[in-house]
Amino acid sequence: TSIVQDKAKKVLALRVDPESPESFMLRPKRRRWVNERYTRWVKSQPCACCGKQADDPHHLIGHGQGGMGTKAHDLFVLPLCRTHHNELHADTVAFEEKYGSQLELIFRFIDRALAIGVLA
């Protein structure tokens, strides 16, 4: 793990604003968190299913994070090769039965990113 920590560069720091203007509104408009540096790093990681080079950062689907014409926040992404990304979009239920839920896979991936200092 020390080799990984030496080679991995910190990609981003998360900012915390407990008094954002939206936090005082009754019905705030949601802002999508976008971070191209993080998604670029995710794309450089091995596929979460097979370990081959990922082609895409897959954004979580089917759990209320996206919407019509929108994606989940860039934090909720998973590295997938083209084969597994296509498999997931073709049949989410079958994919999750075979590889585990997207939520669990993304949780483990975020945990790894935090543990190696990519997210700080």
PDB file of N, CA and C in Angstrom:
ATOM      1  N   THR A   1       0.816  -1.209   0.000  1.00  0.00           N
ATOM      2  CA  THR A   1       0.000   0.000   0.000  1.00  0.00           C
ATOM      3  C   THR A   1       0.851   1.261   0.000  1.00  0.00           C
ATOM      4  N   SER A   2       2.059   1.186   0.538  1.00  0.00           N
ATOM      5  CA  SER A   2       2.887   2.394   0.542  1.00  0.00           C
ATOM      6  C   SER A   2       3.286   2.790  -0.879  1.00  0.00           C
ATOM      7  N   ILE A   3       3.464   1.803  -1.763  1.00  0.00           N
ATOM      8  CA  ILE A   3       3.787   2.109  -3.160  1.00  0.00           C
ATOM      9  C   ILE A   3       2.630   2.864  -3.793  1.00  0.00           C
ATOM     10  N   VAL A   4       1.410   2.392  -3.539  1.00  0.00           N
ATOM     11  CA  VAL A   4       0.224   3.060  -4.083  1.00  0.00           C
ATOM     12  C   VAL A   4       0.133   4.473  -3.531  1.00  0.00           C
ATOM     13  N   GLN A   5       0.368   4.640  -2.234  1.00  0.00           N
ATOM     14  CA  GLN A   5       0.288   5.968  -1.627  1.00  0.00           C
ATOM     15  C   GLN A   5       1.348   6.899  -2.194  1.00  0.00           C
ATOM     16  N   ASP A   6       2.533   6.369  -2.478  1.00  0.00           N
ATOM     17  CA  ASP A   6       3.588   7.192  -3.068  1.00  0.00           C
ATOM     18  C   ASP A   6       3.222   7.629  -4.484  1.00  0.00           C
ATOM     19  N   LYS A   7       2.603   6.726  -5.244  1.00  0.00           N
ATOM     20  CA  LYS A   7       2.280   7.027  -6.640  1.00  0.00           C
ATOM     21  C   LYS A   7       0.993   7.828  -6.792  1.00  0.00           C
ATOM     22  N   ALA A   8       0.045   7.625  -5.881  1.00  0.00           N
ATOM     23  CA  ALA A   8      -1.243   8.330  -5.989  1.00  0.00           C
ATOM     24  C   ALA A   8      -1.059   9.777  -5.550  1.00  0.00           C
ATOM     25  N   LYS A   9      -1.565  10.678  -6.351  1.00  0.00           N
ATOM     26  CA  LYS A   9      -1.530  12.096  -6.002  1.00  0.00           C
ATOM     27  C   LYS A   9      -2.901  12.484  -5.495  1.00  0.00           C
ATOM     28  N   LYS A  10      -2.931  13.416  -4.578  1.00  0.00           N
ATOM     29  CA  LYS A  10      -4.227  13.906  -4.126  1.00  0.00           C
ATOM     30  C   LYS A  10      -4.916  14.590  -5.294  1.00  0.00           C
ATOM     31  N   VAL A  11      -6.145  14.211  -5.516  1.00  0.00           N
ATOM     32  CA  VAL A  11      -6.886  14.736  -6.649  1.00  0.00           C
ATOM     33  C   VAL A  11      -7.706  15.941  -6.242  1.00  0.00           C
ATOM     34  N   LEU A  12      -8.319  15.908  -5.081  1.00  0.00           N
ATOM     35  CA  LEU A  12      -9.169  17.018  -4.683  1.00  0.00           C
ATOM     36  C   LEU A  12      -9.333  17.062  -3.184  1.00  0.00           C
ATOM     37  N   ALA A  13      -9.759  18.192  -2.706  1.00  0.00           N
ATOM     38  CA  ALA A  13     -10.147  18.361  -1.310  1.00  0.00           C
ATOM     39  C   ALA A  13     -11.620  18.746  -1.310  1.00  0.00           C
ATOM     40  N   LEU A  14     -12.386  18.100  -0.469  1.00  0.00           N
ATOM     41  CA  LEU A  14     -13.810  18.416  -0.379  1.00  0.00           C
ATOM     42  C   LEU A  14     -13.997  19.612   0.541  1.00  0.00           C
ATOM     43  N   ARG A  15     -14.772  20.563   0.096  1.00  0.00           N
ATOM     44  CA  ARG A  15     -15.050  21.759   0.881  1.00  0.00           C
ATOM     45  C   ARG A  15     -16.346  21.530   1.645  1.00  0.00           C
ATOM     46  N   VAL A  16     -16.374  21.947   2.901  1.00  0.00           N
ATOM     47  CA  VAL A  16     -17.573  21.823   3.728  1.00  0.00           C
ATOM     48  C   VAL A  16     -18.076  23.219   4.054  1.00  0.00           C
ATOM     49  N   ASP A  17     -19.346  23.480   3.759  1.00  0.00           N
ATOM     50  CA  ASP A  17     -19.966  24.772   4.051  1.00  0.00           C
ATOM     51  C   ASP A  17     -21.273  24.516   4.791  1.00  0.00           C
ATOM     52  N   PRO A  18     -21.235  24.457   6.140  1.00  0.00           N
ATOM     53  CA  PRO A  18     -22.450  24.161   6.898  1.00  0.00           C
ATOM     54  C   PRO A  18     -23.491  25.275   6.846  1.00  0.00           C
ATOM     55  N   GLU A  19     -23.125  26.422   6.291  1.00  0.00           N
ATOM     56  CA  GLU A  19     -24.072  27.537   6.202  1.00  0.00           C
ATOM     57  C   GLU A  19     -24.248  28.002   4.758  1.00  0.00           C
ATOM     58  N   SER A  20     -24.313  27.041   3.837  1.00  0.00           N
ATOM     59  CA  SER A  20     -24.546  27.424   2.439  1.00  0.00           C
ATOM     60  C   SER A  20     -25.917  28.081   2.341  1.00  0.00           C
ATOM     61  N   PRO A  21     -26.092  29.020   1.433  1.00  0.00           N
ATOM     62  CA  PRO A  21     -27.399  29.687   1.312  1.00  0.00           C
ATOM     63  C   PRO A  21     -28.552  28.701   1.124  1.00  0.00           C
ATOM     64  N   GLU A  22     -28.306  27.624   0.373  1.00  0.00           N
ATOM     65  CA  GLU A  22     -29.359  26.643   0.124  1.00  0.00           C
ATOM     66  C   GLU A  22     -29.819  25.943   1.398  1.00  0.00           C
ATOM     67  N   SER A  23     -28.930  25.825   2.387  1.00  0.00           N
ATOM     68  CA  SER A  23     -29.304  25.117   3.617  1.00  0.00           C
ATOM     69  C   SER A  23     -30.371  25.855   4.416  1.00  0.00           C
ATOM     70  N   PHE A  24     -30.607  27.123   4.091  1.00  0.00           N
ATOM     71  CA  PHE A  24     -31.627  27.905   4.793  1.00  0.00           C
ATOM     72  C   PHE A  24     -32.936  28.003   4.000  1.00  0.00           C
ATOM     73  N   MET A  25     -32.976  27.408   2.819  1.00  0.00           N
ATOM     74  CA  MET A  25     -34.173  27.488   1.979  1.00  0.00           C
ATOM     75  C   MET A  25     -35.086  26.288   2.230  1.00  0.00           C
ATOM     76  N   LEU A  26     -36.389  26.507   2.098  1.00  0.00           N
ATOM     77  CA  LEU A  26     -37.338  25.414   2.268  1.00  0.00           C
ATOM     78  C   LEU A  26     -37.249  24.401   1.133  1.00  0.00           C
ATOM     79  N   ARG A  27     -37.124  24.878  -0.090  1.00  0.00           N
ATOM     80  CA  ARG A  27     -37.038  24.001  -1.255  1.00  0.00           C
ATOM     81  C   ARG A  27     -35.878  24.437  -2.141  1.00  0.00           C
ATOM     82  N   PRO A  28     -34.656  24.161  -1.708  1.00  0.00           N
ATOM     83  CA  PRO A  28     -33.504  24.626  -2.493  1.00  0.00           C
ATOM     84  C   PRO A  28     -33.370  23.860  -3.803  1.00  0.00           C
ATOM     85  N   LYS A  29     -32.864  24.543  -4.802  1.00  0.00           N
ATOM     86  CA  LYS A  29     -32.544  23.883  -6.060  1.00  0.00           C
ATOM     87  C   LYS A  29     -31.270  23.082  -5.837  1.00  0.00           C
ATOM     88  N   ARG A  30     -31.298  21.826  -6.234  1.00  0.00           N
ATOM     89  CA  ARG A  30     -30.121  20.970  -6.056  1.00  0.00           C
ATOM     90  C   ARG A  30     -29.033  21.345  -7.058  1.00  0.00           C
ATOM     91  N   ARG A  31     -27.818  21.375  -6.564  1.00  0.00           N
ATOM     92  CA  ARG A  31     -26.665  21.607  -7.435  1.00  0.00           C
ATOM     93  C   ARG A  31     -25.926  20.283  -7.599  1.00  0.00           C
ATOM     94  N   ARG A  32     -25.585  19.955  -8.811  1.00  0.00           N
ATOM     95  CA  ARG A  32     -24.827  18.730  -9.063  1.00  0.00           C
ATOM     96  C   ARG A  32     -23.348  19.012  -8.829  1.00  0.00           C
ATOM     97  N   TRP A  33     -22.692  18.158  -8.014  1.00  0.00           N
ATOM     98  CA  TRP A  33     -21.266  18.303  -7.743  1.00  0.00           C
ATOM     99  C   TRP A  33     -20.503  17.697  -8.918  1.00  0.00           C
ATOM    100  N   VAL A  34     -19.705  18.514  -9.574  1.00  0.00           N
ATOM    101  CA  VAL A  34     -18.940  18.094 -10.745  1.00  0.00           C
ATOM    102  C   VAL A  34     -17.460  18.276 -10.446  1.00  0.00           C
ATOM    103  N   ASN A  35     -16.661  17.241 -10.708  1.00  0.00           N
ATOM    104  CA  ASN A  35     -15.221  17.359 -10.518  1.00  0.00           C
ATOM    105  C   ASN A  35     -14.511  16.516 -11.577  1.00  0.00           C
ATOM    106  N   GLU A  36     -14.077  17.185 -12.626  1.00  0.00           N
ATOM    107  CA  GLU A  36     -13.446  16.502 -13.755  1.00  0.00           C
ATOM    108  C   GLU A  36     -12.147  15.804 -13.354  1.00  0.00           C
ATOM    109  N   ARG A  37     -11.399  16.385 -12.435  1.00  0.00           N
ATOM    110  CA  ARG A  37     -10.141  15.756 -12.002  1.00  0.00           C
ATOM    111  C   ARG A  37     -10.412  14.409 -11.345  1.00  0.00           C
ATOM    112  N   TYR A  38     -11.450  14.363 -10.516  1.00  0.00           N
ATOM    113  CA  TYR A  38     -11.779  13.106  -9.840  1.00  0.00           C
ATOM    114  C   TYR A  38     -12.259  12.063 -10.845  1.00  0.00           C
ATOM    115  N   THR A  39     -13.161  12.429 -11.748  1.00  0.00           N
ATOM    116  CA  THR A  39     -13.658  11.444 -12.715  1.00  0.00           C
ATOM    117  C   THR A  39     -12.545  10.976 -13.655  1.00  0.00           C
ATOM    118  N   ARG A  40     -11.599  11.854 -13.958  1.00  0.00           N
ATOM    119  CA  ARG A  40     -10.447  11.453 -14.773  1.00  0.00           C
ATOM    120  C   ARG A  40      -9.607  10.418 -14.012  1.00  0.00           C
ATOM    121  N   TRP A  41      -9.419  10.637 -12.702  1.00  0.00           N
ATOM    122  CA  TRP A  41      -8.676   9.668 -11.888  1.00  0.00           C
ATOM    123  C   TRP A  41      -9.437   8.342 -11.829  1.00  0.00           C
ATOM    124  N   VAL A  42     -10.757   8.402 -11.628  1.00  0.00           N
ATOM    125  CA  VAL A  42     -11.577   7.187 -11.567  1.00  0.00           C
ATOM    126  C   VAL A  42     -11.392   6.381 -12.854  1.00  0.00           C
ATOM    127  N   LYS A  43     -11.407   7.059 -13.976  1.00  0.00           N
ATOM    128  CA  LYS A  43     -11.251   6.404 -15.279  1.00  0.00           C
ATOM    129  C   LYS A  43      -9.897   5.703 -15.400  1.00  0.00           C
ATOM    130  N   SER A  44      -8.897   6.165 -14.672  1.00  0.00           N
ATOM    131  CA  SER A  44      -7.561   5.570 -14.741  1.00  0.00           C
ATOM    132  C   SER A  44      -7.413   4.341 -13.841  1.00  0.00           C
ATOM    133  N   GLN A  45      -8.437   4.022 -13.072  1.00  0.00           N
ATOM    134  CA  GLN A  45      -8.385   2.902 -12.141  1.00  0.00           C
ATOM    135  C   GLN A  45      -8.853   1.612 -12.812  1.00  0.00           C
ATOM    136  N   PRO A  46      -8.563   0.457 -12.184  1.00  0.00           N
ATOM    137  CA  PRO A  46      -9.038  -0.803 -12.761  1.00  0.00           C
ATOM    138  C   PRO A  46     -10.554  -0.950 -12.619  1.00  0.00           C
ATOM    139  N   CYS A  47     -11.148  -1.673 -13.550  1.00  0.00           N
ATOM    140  CA  CYS A  47     -12.586  -1.948 -13.521  1.00  0.00           C
ATOM    141  C   CYS A  47     -12.950  -2.616 -12.193  1.00  0.00           C
ATOM    142  N   ALA A  48     -14.030  -2.168 -11.582  1.00  0.00           N
ATOM    143  CA  ALA A  48     -14.469  -2.708 -10.292  1.00  0.00           C
ATOM    144  C   ALA A  48     -14.954  -4.151 -10.402  1.00  0.00           C
ATOM    145  N   CYS A  49     -15.206  -4.630 -11.609  1.00  0.00           N
ATOM    146  CA  CYS A  49     -15.717  -5.992 -11.797  1.00  0.00           C
ATOM    147  C   CYS A  49     -14.636  -6.988 -12.200  1.00  0.00           C
ATOM    148  N   CYS A  50     -13.759  -6.595 -13.122  1.00  0.00           N
ATOM    149  CA  CYS A  50     -12.802  -7.564 -13.675  1.00  0.00           C
ATOM    150  C   CYS A  50     -11.335  -7.182 -13.466  1.00  0.00           C
ATOM    151  N   GLY A  51     -11.071  -5.944 -13.071  1.00  0.00           N
ATOM    152  CA  GLY A  51      -9.696  -5.518 -12.844  1.00  0.00           C
ATOM    153  C   GLY A  51      -8.968  -5.008 -14.078  1.00  0.00           C
ATOM    154  N   LYS A  52      -9.590  -5.116 -15.261  1.00  0.00           N
ATOM    155  CA  LYS A  52      -8.970  -4.554 -16.470  1.00  0.00           C
ATOM    156  C   LYS A  52      -9.040  -3.033 -16.416  1.00  0.00           C
ATOM    157  N   GLN A  53      -8.339  -2.382 -17.325  1.00  0.00           N
ATOM    158  CA  GLN A  53      -8.354  -0.918 -17.377  1.00  0.00           C
ATOM    159  C   GLN A  53      -9.779  -0.411 -17.594  1.00  0.00           C
ATOM    160  N   ALA A  54     -10.202   0.529 -16.759  1.00  0.00           N
ATOM    161  CA  ALA A  54     -11.537   1.119 -16.905  1.00  0.00           C
ATOM    162  C   ALA A  54     -11.562   2.038 -18.118  1.00  0.00           C
ATOM    163  N   ASP A  55     -12.713   2.119 -18.747  1.00  0.00           N
ATOM    164  CA  ASP A  55     -12.910   3.028 -19.875  1.00  0.00           C
ATOM    165  C   ASP A  55     -13.739   4.231 -19.471  1.00  0.00           C
ATOM    166  N   ASP A  56     -14.599   4.032 -18.494  1.00  0.00           N
ATOM    167  CA  ASP A  56     -15.564   5.069 -18.127  1.00  0.00           C
ATOM    168  C   ASP A  56     -15.734   5.152 -16.620  1.00  0.00           C
ATOM    169  N   PRO A  57     -15.982   6.361 -16.105  1.00  0.00           N
ATOM    170  CA  PRO A  57     -16.465   6.476 -14.729  1.00  0.00           C
ATOM    171  C   PRO A  57     -17.996   6.357 -14.782  1.00  0.00           C
ATOM    172  N   HIS A  58     -18.526   5.263 -14.281  1.00  0.00           N
ATOM    173  CA  HIS A  58     -19.978   5.044 -14.306  1.00  0.00           C
ATOM    174  C   HIS A  58     -20.634   5.820 -13.173  1.00  0.00           C
ATOM    175  N   HIS A  59     -21.617   6.656 -13.497  1.00  0.00           N
ATOM    176  CA  HIS A  59     -22.388   7.387 -12.490  1.00  0.00           C
ATOM    177  C   HIS A  59     -23.538   6.514 -11.998  1.00  0.00           C
ATOM    178  N   LEU A  60     -23.729   6.476 -10.707  1.00  0.00           N
ATOM    179  CA  LEU A  60     -24.797   5.704 -10.067  1.00  0.00           C
ATOM    180  C   LEU A  60     -26.135   5.956 -10.757  1.00  0.00           C
ATOM    181  N   ILE A  61     -26.869   4.879 -11.042  1.00  0.00           N
ATOM    182  CA  ILE A  61     -28.207   5.009 -11.627  1.00  0.00           C
ATOM    183  C   ILE A  61     -29.201   4.184 -10.816  1.00  0.00           C
ATOM    184  N   GLY A  62     -30.450   4.607 -10.854  1.00  0.00           N
ATOM    185  CA  GLY A  62     -31.522   3.832 -10.248  1.00  0.00           C
ATOM    186  C   GLY A  62     -31.674   3.965  -8.748  1.00  0.00           C
ATOM    187  N   HIS A  63     -31.030   4.926  -8.137  1.00  0.00           N
ATOM    188  CA  HIS A  63     -31.118   5.107  -6.684  1.00  0.00           C
ATOM    189  C   HIS A  63     -31.493   6.538  -6.318  1.00  0.00           C
ATOM    190  N   GLY A  64     -32.168   7.226  -7.215  1.00  0.00           N
ATOM    191  CA  GLY A  64     -32.678   8.560  -6.922  1.00  0.00           C
ATOM    192  C   GLY A  64     -31.677   9.689  -7.005  1.00  0.00           C
ATOM    193  N   GLN A  65     -30.473   9.436  -7.505  1.00  0.00           N
ATOM    194  CA  GLN A  65     -29.461  10.497  -7.579  1.00  0.00           C
ATOM    195  C   GLN A  65     -29.505  11.265  -8.882  1.00  0.00           C
ATOM    196  N   GLY A  66     -29.940  10.627  -9.931  1.00  0.00           N
ATOM    197  CA  GLY A  66     -30.031  11.309 -11.217  1.00  0.00           C
ATOM    198  C   GLY A  66     -31.460  11.761 -11.446  1.00  0.00           C
ATOM    199  N   GLY A  67     -31.775  12.031 -12.646  1.00  0.00           N
ATOM    200  CA  GLY A  67     -33.124  12.428 -13.019  1.00  0.00           C
ATOM    201  C   GLY A  67     -33.182  12.561 -14.520  1.00  0.00           C
ATOM    202  N   MET A  68     -34.263  13.077 -15.009  1.00  0.00           N
ATOM    203  CA  MET A  68     -34.417  13.246 -16.445  1.00  0.00           C
ATOM    204  C   MET A  68     -33.330  14.190 -16.959  1.00  0.00           C
ATOM    205  N   GLY A  69     -32.422  13.660 -17.740  1.00  0.00           N
ATOM    206  CA  GLY A  69     -31.364  14.476 -18.324  1.00  0.00           C
ATOM    207  C   GLY A  69     -30.260  14.871 -17.358  1.00  0.00           C
ATOM    208  N   THR A  70     -30.200  14.243 -16.184  1.00  0.00           N
ATOM    209  CA  THR A  70     -29.146  14.575 -15.219  1.00  0.00           C
ATOM    210  C   THR A  70     -28.437  13.308 -14.763  1.00  0.00           C
ATOM    211  N   LYS A  71     -27.253  13.480 -14.234  1.00  0.00           N
ATOM    212  CA  LYS A  71     -26.472  12.379 -13.683  1.00  0.00           C
ATOM    213  C   LYS A  71     -26.344  12.577 -12.183  1.00  0.00           C
ATOM    214  N   ALA A  72     -25.904  11.513 -11.511  1.00  0.00           N
ATOM    215  CA  ALA A  72     -25.565  11.605 -10.096  1.00  0.00           C
ATOM    216  C   ALA A  72     -24.327  12.492  -9.952  1.00  0.00           C
ATOM    217  N   HIS A  73     -24.066  12.943  -8.733  1.00  0.00           N
ATOM    218  CA  HIS A  73     -22.862  13.726  -8.449  1.00  0.00           C
ATOM    219  C   HIS A  73     -21.625  12.941  -8.899  1.00  0.00           C
ATOM    220  N   ASP A  74     -20.581  13.640  -9.277  1.00  0.00           N
ATOM    221  CA  ASP A  74     -19.350  12.981  -9.710  1.00  0.00           C
ATOM    222  C   ASP A  74     -18.696  12.163  -8.600  1.00  0.00           C
ATOM    223  N   LEU A  75     -19.054  12.384  -7.359  1.00  0.00           N
ATOM    224  CA  LEU A  75     -18.515  11.571  -6.267  1.00  0.00           C
ATOM    225  C   LEU A  75     -19.030  10.141  -6.351  1.00  0.00           C
ATOM    226  N   PHE A  76     -20.244   9.963  -6.869  1.00  0.00           N
ATOM    227  CA  PHE A  76     -20.881   8.648  -6.910  1.00  0.00           C
ATOM    228  C   PHE A  76     -20.605   7.960  -8.244  1.00  0.00           C
ATOM    229  N   VAL A  77     -19.329   7.696  -8.494  1.00  0.00           N
ATOM    230  CA  VAL A  77     -18.907   7.048  -9.732  1.00  0.00           C
ATOM    231  C   VAL A  77     -18.090   5.803  -9.427  1.00  0.00           C
ATOM    232  N   LEU A  78     -18.004   4.951 -10.413  1.00  0.00           N
ATOM    233  CA  LEU A  78     -17.337   3.669 -10.281  1.00  0.00           C
ATOM    234  C   LEU A  78     -16.549   3.399 -11.560  1.00  0.00           C
ATOM    235  N   PRO A  79     -15.297   2.931 -11.455  1.00  0.00           N
ATOM    236  CA  PRO A  79     -14.555   2.625 -12.678  1.00  0.00           C
ATOM    237  C   PRO A  79     -15.042   1.310 -13.291  1.00  0.00           C
ATOM    238  N   LEU A  80     -15.448   1.370 -14.545  1.00  0.00           N
ATOM    239  CA  LEU A  80     -15.894   0.170 -15.256  1.00  0.00           C
ATOM    240  C   LEU A  80     -15.270   0.131 -16.645  1.00  0.00           C
ATOM    241  N   CYS A  81     -14.916  -1.084 -17.085  1.00  0.00           N
ATOM    242  CA  CYS A  81     -14.475  -1.259 -18.468  1.00  0.00           C
ATOM    243  C   CYS A  81     -15.712  -1.151 -19.360  1.00  0.00           C
ATOM    244  N   ARG A  82     -15.503  -1.027 -20.646  1.00  0.00           N
ATOM    245  CA  ARG A  82     -16.623  -0.865 -21.585  1.00  0.00           C
ATOM    246  C   ARG A  82     -17.598  -2.041 -21.496  1.00  0.00           C
ATOM    247  N   THR A  83     -17.081  -3.269 -21.385  1.00  0.00           N
ATOM    248  CA  THR A  83     -17.942  -4.460 -21.320  1.00  0.00           C
ATOM    249  C   THR A  83     -18.877  -4.405 -20.123  1.00  0.00           C
ATOM    250  N   HIS A  84     -18.328  -4.106 -18.945  1.00  0.00           N
ATOM    251  CA  HIS A  84     -19.158  -4.092 -17.738  1.00  0.00           C
ATOM    252  C   HIS A  84     -20.062  -2.863 -17.677  1.00  0.00           C
ATOM    253  N   HIS A  85     -19.622  -1.749 -18.241  1.00  0.00           N
ATOM    254  CA  HIS A  85     -20.484  -0.565 -18.291  1.00  0.00           C
ATOM    255  C   HIS A  85     -21.706  -0.857 -19.171  1.00  0.00           C
ATOM    256  N   ASN A  86     -21.483  -1.473 -20.318  1.00  0.00           N
ATOM    257  CA  ASN A  86     -22.603  -1.851 -21.194  1.00  0.00           C
ATOM    258  C   ASN A  86     -23.519  -2.863 -20.512  1.00  0.00           C
ATOM    259  N   GLU A  87     -22.915  -3.835 -19.819  1.00  0.00           N
ATOM    260  CA  GLU A  87     -23.699  -4.855 -19.112  1.00  0.00           C
ATOM    261  C   GLU A  87     -24.589  -4.219 -18.048  1.00  0.00           C
ATOM    262  N   LEU A  88     -24.061  -3.265 -17.310  1.00  0.00           N
ATOM    263  CA  LEU A  88     -24.844  -2.590 -16.269  1.00  0.00           C
ATOM    264  C   LEU A  88     -26.019  -1.828 -16.872  1.00  0.00           C
ATOM    265  N   HIS A  89     -25.768  -1.078 -17.936  1.00  0.00           N
ATOM    266  CA  HIS A  89     -26.843  -0.291 -18.538  1.00  0.00           C
ATOM    267  C   HIS A  89     -27.874  -1.165 -19.258  1.00  0.00           C
ATOM    268  N   ALA A  90     -27.472  -2.342 -19.713  1.00  0.00           N
ATOM    269  CA  ALA A  90     -28.407  -3.240 -20.394  1.00  0.00           C
ATOM    270  C   ALA A  90     -29.401  -3.856 -19.411  1.00  0.00           C
ATOM    271  N   ASP A  91     -28.931  -4.193 -18.198  1.00  0.00           N
ATOM    272  CA  ASP A  91     -29.807  -4.830 -17.205  1.00  0.00           C
ATOM    273  C   ASP A  91     -29.221  -4.610 -15.812  1.00  0.00           C
ATOM    274  N   THR A  92     -29.643  -3.539 -15.175  1.00  0.00           N
ATOM    275  CA  THR A  92     -29.098  -3.161 -13.863  1.00  0.00           C
ATOM    276  C   THR A  92     -29.325  -4.247 -12.819  1.00  0.00           C
ATOM    277  N   VAL A  93     -30.511  -4.840 -12.812  1.00  0.00           N
ATOM    278  CA  VAL A  93     -30.839  -5.868 -11.817  1.00  0.00           C
ATOM    279  C   VAL A  93     -29.917  -7.073 -11.966  1.00  0.00           C
ATOM    280  N   ALA A  94     -29.748  -7.569 -13.182  1.00  0.00           N
ATOM    281  CA  ALA A  94     -28.871  -8.721 -13.417  1.00  0.00           C
ATOM    282  C   ALA A  94     -27.425  -8.385 -13.055  1.00  0.00           C
ATOM    283  N   PHE A  95     -26.976  -7.175 -13.398  1.00  0.00           N
ATOM    284  CA  PHE A  95     -25.618  -6.745 -13.067  1.00  0.00           C
ATOM    285  C   PHE A  95     -25.411  -6.771 -11.556  1.00  0.00           C
ATOM    286  N   GLU A  96     -26.360  -6.203 -10.806  1.00  0.00           N
ATOM    287  CA  GLU A  96     -26.215  -6.133  -9.351  1.00  0.00           C
ATOM    288  C   GLU A  96     -26.308  -7.511  -8.705  1.00  0.00           C
ATOM    289  N   GLU A  97     -27.080  -8.425  -9.279  1.00  0.00           N
ATOM    290  CA  GLU A  97     -27.122  -9.797  -8.759  1.00  0.00           C
ATOM    291  C   GLU A  97     -25.774 -10.479  -8.952  1.00  0.00           C
ATOM    292  N   LYS A  98     -25.126 -10.186 -10.048  1.00  0.00           N
ATOM    293  CA  LYS A  98     -23.853 -10.826 -10.397  1.00  0.00           C
ATOM    294  C   LYS A  98     -22.660 -10.218  -9.655  1.00  0.00           C
ATOM    295  N   TYR A  99     -22.597  -8.872  -9.546  1.00  0.00           N
ATOM    296  CA  TYR A  99     -21.405  -8.194  -9.016  1.00  0.00           C
ATOM    297  C   TYR A  99     -21.621  -7.479  -7.683  1.00  0.00           C
ATOM    298  N   GLY A 100     -22.864  -7.381  -7.232  1.00  0.00           N
ATOM    299  CA  GLY A 100     -23.179  -6.623  -6.018  1.00  0.00           C
ATOM    300  C   GLY A 100     -23.820  -5.299  -6.386  1.00  0.00           C
ATOM    301  N   SER A 101     -24.446  -4.684  -5.402  1.00  0.00           N
ATOM    302  CA  SER A 101     -25.166  -3.438  -5.683  1.00  0.00           C
ATOM    303  C   SER A 101     -24.189  -2.308  -6.011  1.00  0.00           C
ATOM    304  N   GLN A 102     -24.653  -1.402  -6.837  1.00  0.00           N
ATOM    305  CA  GLN A 102     -23.846  -0.228  -7.171  1.00  0.00           C
ATOM    306  C   GLN A 102     -23.480   0.535  -5.903  1.00  0.00           C
ATOM    307  N   LEU A 103     -24.423   0.612  -4.956  1.00  0.00           N
ATOM    308  CA  LEU A 103     -24.164   1.351  -3.714  1.00  0.00           C
ATOM    309  C   LEU A 103     -22.982   0.755  -2.963  1.00  0.00           C
ATOM    310  N   GLU A 104     -22.941  -0.576  -2.841  1.00  0.00           N
ATOM    311  CA  GLU A 104     -21.825  -1.228  -2.150  1.00  0.00           C
ATOM    312  C   GLU A 104     -20.517  -1.034  -2.908  1.00  0.00           C
ATOM    313  N   LEU A 105     -20.555  -1.193  -4.227  1.00  0.00           N
ATOM    314  CA  LEU A 105     -19.344  -1.029  -5.032  1.00  0.00           C
ATOM    315  C   LEU A 105     -18.810   0.399  -4.941  1.00  0.00           C
ATOM    316  N   ILE A 106     -19.699   1.374  -5.009  1.00  0.00           N
ATOM    317  CA  ILE A 106     -19.279   2.776  -4.922  1.00  0.00           C
ATOM    318  C   ILE A 106     -18.790   3.109  -3.522  1.00  0.00           C
ATOM    319  N   PHE A 107     -19.463   2.581  -2.493  1.00  0.00           N
ATOM    320  CA  PHE A 107     -19.015   2.811  -1.115  1.00  0.00           C
ATOM    321  C   PHE A 107     -17.586   2.302  -0.938  1.00  0.00           C
ATOM    322  N   ARG A 108     -17.311   1.081  -1.407  1.00  0.00           N
ATOM    323  CA  ARG A 108     -15.960   0.525  -1.287  1.00  0.00           C
ATOM    324  C   ARG A 108     -14.946   1.349  -2.074  1.00  0.00           C
ATOM    325  N   PHE A 109     -15.360   1.850  -3.247  1.00  0.00           N
ATOM    326  CA  PHE A 109     -14.446   2.642  -4.065  1.00  0.00           C
ATOM    327  C   PHE A 109     -14.141   3.988  -3.409  1.00  0.00           C
ATOM    328  N   ILE A 110     -15.158   4.656  -2.872  1.00  0.00           N
ATOM    329  CA  ILE A 110     -14.935   5.929  -2.167  1.00  0.00           C
ATOM    330  C   ILE A 110     -14.053   5.698  -0.945  1.00  0.00           C
ATOM    331  N   ASP A 111     -14.295   4.593  -0.222  1.00  0.00           N
ATOM    332  CA  ASP A 111     -13.476   4.266   0.945  1.00  0.00           C
ATOM    333  C   ASP A 111     -12.012   4.111   0.538  1.00  0.00           C
ATOM    334  N   ARG A 112     -11.763   3.440  -0.575  1.00  0.00           N
ATOM    335  CA  ARG A 112     -10.391   3.276  -1.064  1.00  0.00           C
ATOM    336  C   ARG A 112      -9.780   4.626  -1.440  1.00  0.00           C
ATOM    337  N   ALA A 113     -10.553   5.467  -2.138  1.00  0.00           N
ATOM    338  CA  ALA A 113     -10.049   6.787  -2.534  1.00  0.00           C
ATOM    339  C   ALA A 113      -9.679   7.625  -1.312  1.00  0.00           C
ATOM    340  N   LEU A 114     -10.481   7.536  -0.253  1.00  0.00           N
ATOM    341  CA  LEU A 114     -10.161   8.249   0.992  1.00  0.00           C
ATOM    342  C   LEU A 114      -8.927   7.649   1.660  1.00  0.00           C
ATOM    343  N   ALA A 115      -8.847   6.314   1.680  1.00  0.00           N
ATOM    344  CA  ALA A 115      -7.758   5.626   2.374  1.00  0.00           C
ATOM    345  C   ALA A 115      -6.397   5.884   1.736  1.00  0.00           C
ATOM    346  N   ILE A 116      -6.359   6.085   0.422  1.00  0.00           N
ATOM    347  CA  ILE A 116      -5.061   6.322  -0.232  1.00  0.00           C
ATOM    348  C   ILE A 116      -4.787   7.806  -0.453  1.00  0.00           C
ATOM    349  N   GLY A 117      -5.672   8.666   0.064  1.00  0.00           N
ATOM    350  CA  GLY A 117      -5.414  10.103   0.023  1.00  0.00           C
ATOM    351  C   GLY A 117      -5.840  10.811  -1.247  1.00  0.00           C
ATOM    352  N   VAL A 118      -6.572  10.127  -2.126  1.00  0.00           N
ATOM    353  CA  VAL A 118      -7.050  10.788  -3.344  1.00  0.00           C
ATOM    354  C   VAL A 118      -8.132  11.791  -2.980  1.00  0.00           C
ATOM    355  N   LEU A 119      -9.031  11.385  -2.105  1.00  0.00           N
ATOM    356  CA  LEU A 119     -10.018  12.308  -1.531  1.00  0.00           C
ATOM    357  C   LEU A 119      -9.508  12.704  -0.160  1.00  0.00           C
ATOM    358  N   ALA A 120      -9.462  13.968   0.111  1.00  0.00           N
ATOM    359  CA  ALA A 120      -8.946  14.410   1.411  1.00  0.00           C
ATOM    360  C   ALA A 120      -9.765  15.574   1.917  1.00  0.00           C
TER     361      ALA A 120
END
